[in-house]
Structure formats: structure tokens, C-alpha cells
Amino acid sequence: MRITSKGQVTIPIEIRAQAGLLPNTDVEFEFRDGEVLLKKSPGQATRGQKLVERMRGKATIRMTTDEIMALTRGDD
């Protein structure tokens, strides 16, 4: 790896996948014993939480949970 003139480096996909580093993940750098550590910032929302938050308020039809369940199950 080589650091660019802008201070950027590409993290290999295998390492990103193993560490759960998705696009827009907040990270922190820590300097410890002469090494630089990269880790996810604590308290960050999970991917599922982000998806739910993004979808919240997008529905255009107001339905109760029972109505939605009947629709998805095909109940008459």
C-alpha cells in the first residue's frame, strides 16, 4: 500500500469485509506503541438501523399492522 499525496489509502476489500467497514462507516485512528490502528467509531448505527431510518416516513398509505399482515398473507 502507498499513501497518496492527499493522505488516502485503499483498504483491501477482504479486510473491509472482515472488519465490517461499509461505505460511510465512521472510523477512528489510534496511535499505540508505534503503530497506527484503524477502528470503527463506537455507537455507530448498524446497517439495518440505517436502512430503517432511511425508510422511516416514506410510506404514502396509512395502514394498521393487522391490515398489512392480512395483505401480505393474502387473508380476505
Protein backbone atom coordinates (compact mmCIF):
# COMPACT_ATOMS: atom_id res chain seq x y z
CA MET A 1 0.00 0.00 0.00
CA ARG A 2 1.04 3.53 -0.60
CA ILE A 3 -0.41 6.70 0.89
CA THR A 4 -1.47 9.23 -1.75
CA SER A 5 -0.47 12.89 -1.70
CA LYS A 6 -3.89 13.57 -0.14
CA GLY A 7 -3.18 11.14 2.73
CA GLN A 8 -5.51 8.47 1.39
CA VAL A 9 -5.02 4.72 1.32
CA THR A 10 -7.21 1.94 -0.08
CA ILE A 11 -8.26 -0.71 2.42
CA PRO A 12 -8.42 -4.10 0.66
CA ILE A 13 -11.95 -5.46 0.25
CA GLU A 14 -11.17 -8.61 2.25
CA ILE A 15 -10.14 -6.53 5.27
CA ARG A 16 -13.14 -4.18 4.89
CA ALA A 17 -15.49 -7.17 4.77
CA GLN A 18 -13.87 -8.88 7.75
CA ALA A 19 -13.97 -5.68 9.82
CA GLY A 20 -17.50 -4.70 8.71
CA LEU A 21 -16.29 -1.43 7.18
CA LEU A 22 -19.11 -0.46 4.84
CA PRO A 23 -19.24 2.77 2.81
CA ASN A 24 -19.80 5.80 5.05
CA THR A 25 -18.62 3.95 8.17
CA ASP A 26 -17.19 6.34 10.74
CA VAL A 27 -13.70 5.28 11.84
CA GLU A 28 -11.11 6.41 14.35
CA PHE A 29 -7.34 6.28 14.26
CA GLU A 30 -5.30 5.48 17.33
CA PHE A 31 -1.53 5.60 17.75
CA ARG A 32 -0.34 2.85 20.09
CA ASP A 33 3.17 1.51 20.64
CA GLY A 34 4.45 2.96 17.37
CA GLU A 35 1.55 1.54 15.30
CA VAL A 36 -1.49 3.21 13.82
CA LEU A 37 -4.77 1.40 14.49
CA LEU A 38 -7.95 1.91 12.50
CA LYS A 39 -11.23 1.00 14.17
CA LYS A 40 -14.93 1.66 13.80
CA SER A 41 -16.24 4.51 15.90
CA PRO A 42 -18.31 3.28 18.84
CA GLY A 43 -22.05 3.78 18.93
CA GLN A 44 -22.46 3.86 15.19
CA ALA A 45 -25.80 2.63 13.87
CA THR A 46 -25.83 -0.80 12.25
CA ARG A 47 -26.63 -1.23 8.57
CA GLY A 48 -30.15 -2.38 9.47
CA GLN A 49 -30.71 0.63 11.70
CA LYS A 50 -29.57 2.94 8.92
CA LEU A 51 -31.95 1.27 6.43
CA VAL A 52 -34.90 1.58 8.80
CA GLU A 53 -34.09 5.23 9.49
CA ARG A 54 -33.81 5.97 5.77
CA MET A 55 -37.21 4.34 5.09
CA ARG A 56 -39.00 5.91 8.07
CA GLY A 57 -41.81 8.21 6.93
CA LYS A 58 -41.67 7.11 3.28
CA ALA A 59 -44.98 5.19 3.25
CA THR A 60 -47.76 7.00 1.44
CA ILE A 61 -50.68 4.85 2.64
CA ARG A 62 -51.60 4.60 6.33
CA MET A 63 -52.34 1.00 7.32
CA THR A 64 -52.51 -0.77 10.64
CA THR A 65 -50.20 -3.70 11.34
CA ASP A 66 -53.19 -6.07 11.09
CA GLU A 67 -54.08 -4.65 7.65
CA ILE A 68 -50.52 -5.06 6.42
CA MET A 69 -50.32 -8.64 7.74
CA ALA A 70 -53.64 -9.55 6.09
CA LEU A 71 -52.41 -8.08 2.80
CA THR A 72 -49.09 -9.93 2.87
CA ARG A 73 -50.72 -13.22 3.92
CA GLY A 74 -53.48 -12.97 1.36
CA ASP A 75 -56.23 -13.06 4.01
CA ASP A 76 -59.64 -11.95 2.78
